[in-house]
Amino acid sequence: MKDTTVPGLRTDTRQGFIVLRLPAQISWRNYAGIREGVSRALAVAAGDLAPDRPATDRPATDRLAAGRPRKGVVVDFGDSILLDASGLVLLARTETRAQLLGCPLRAVVPATAAPVRRALHLTGLSSLVPVFEDVAQATAAPVVPGETATVDTGHVLDAIRALHPADAGLAPTPSAAPPELLITTAEAGDGDHTVVHLSGVLDPVTVRRLGETLTSLVEGDLRHLMVRMGDRLGVRCDPLPVLLGIRWRVAAEGGCLSLPGLPARLREIIDREGLGSVFSACRSGEGRALGAGPA
């Protein structure tokens, strides 16, 4: 492998792919350099790089452009340690650029790197970028049409922020508009339950509005509620205190509050706390019309 301008970041080609082996430690300190190297590799693989310097003066990824077109880019985490959220942000933003360039992007995370694999799963990154155990597998797998289908990575970045709430490097881009939470309600079709759909961002401000909305529904004699969140909801706070308060209130009057389709992180918290049975649909509402068993 050839060294790049970032210590520990190496690039090579394998089976028509450009392979970048990441440094042993990834943090915000070397994030910018790594991102530049990966972006350059994507441009080369997509044939979108116009060399303007002699080959001997260009980085290794530039010189690779002189060969035949590349199938895509493989980001090899190897035994890298993620010191903060930067490595996850790198992969999410690289995936977005790969989509724009129409360039297949793959990741290599060995089975021994359990913390990295777990982080990719919890944030949804593993559903956006194909993950392999070694470079041989990543470069041998055929490129499938549609592998670079358009996806929205906004919810993944929200999940990364939720996983690393104290990471100063994850401050959202300043915006004049405050986060929004869209709340809509609909009948479940069984004549008893009401479905509450959430989209947008759930944070310390909007979660209070969720509590107020659920309270008004209960005061309007709606006792059987289903709150649907989904993985695309940006979760930036813990909504369980509000949800538990509403649940105890409706349960005291023979009602229920169920949570079908939870974001992965909330599902993990609820399972860890043993609250799965608490947020279950009541017996009369389970089954066909709701399609919601225990949450």
Foldseek 3Di string as FASTA:
>chain_A
DDDFPQPQWDWDDDLQEIEIEHHQEDDPVCLVVVLVVLLLLLCLLLVNDDDDDPLVPDTPSVVVSVDDHGQAYEYEDDNHDYPALSVVVSLLVSLVSCLVSVGAYAYEDAPVNVVVVVLCVQLVVCVLHPYHRDPVVVSVDDDDPCNSPDDDCPLSLLSSCQVHVPDPVSPDDDDPDDWDKDWDWDDLPPVAEIEIEIATEDAPVVLVVVLVVLVVCVVVVRLEYEYEYASRYRYNDDSVVSVVVSQVVSVVVVYAYAYPHDRSVVVVVCVVVVCQQSRAGPPVPDDDSNVGGGD
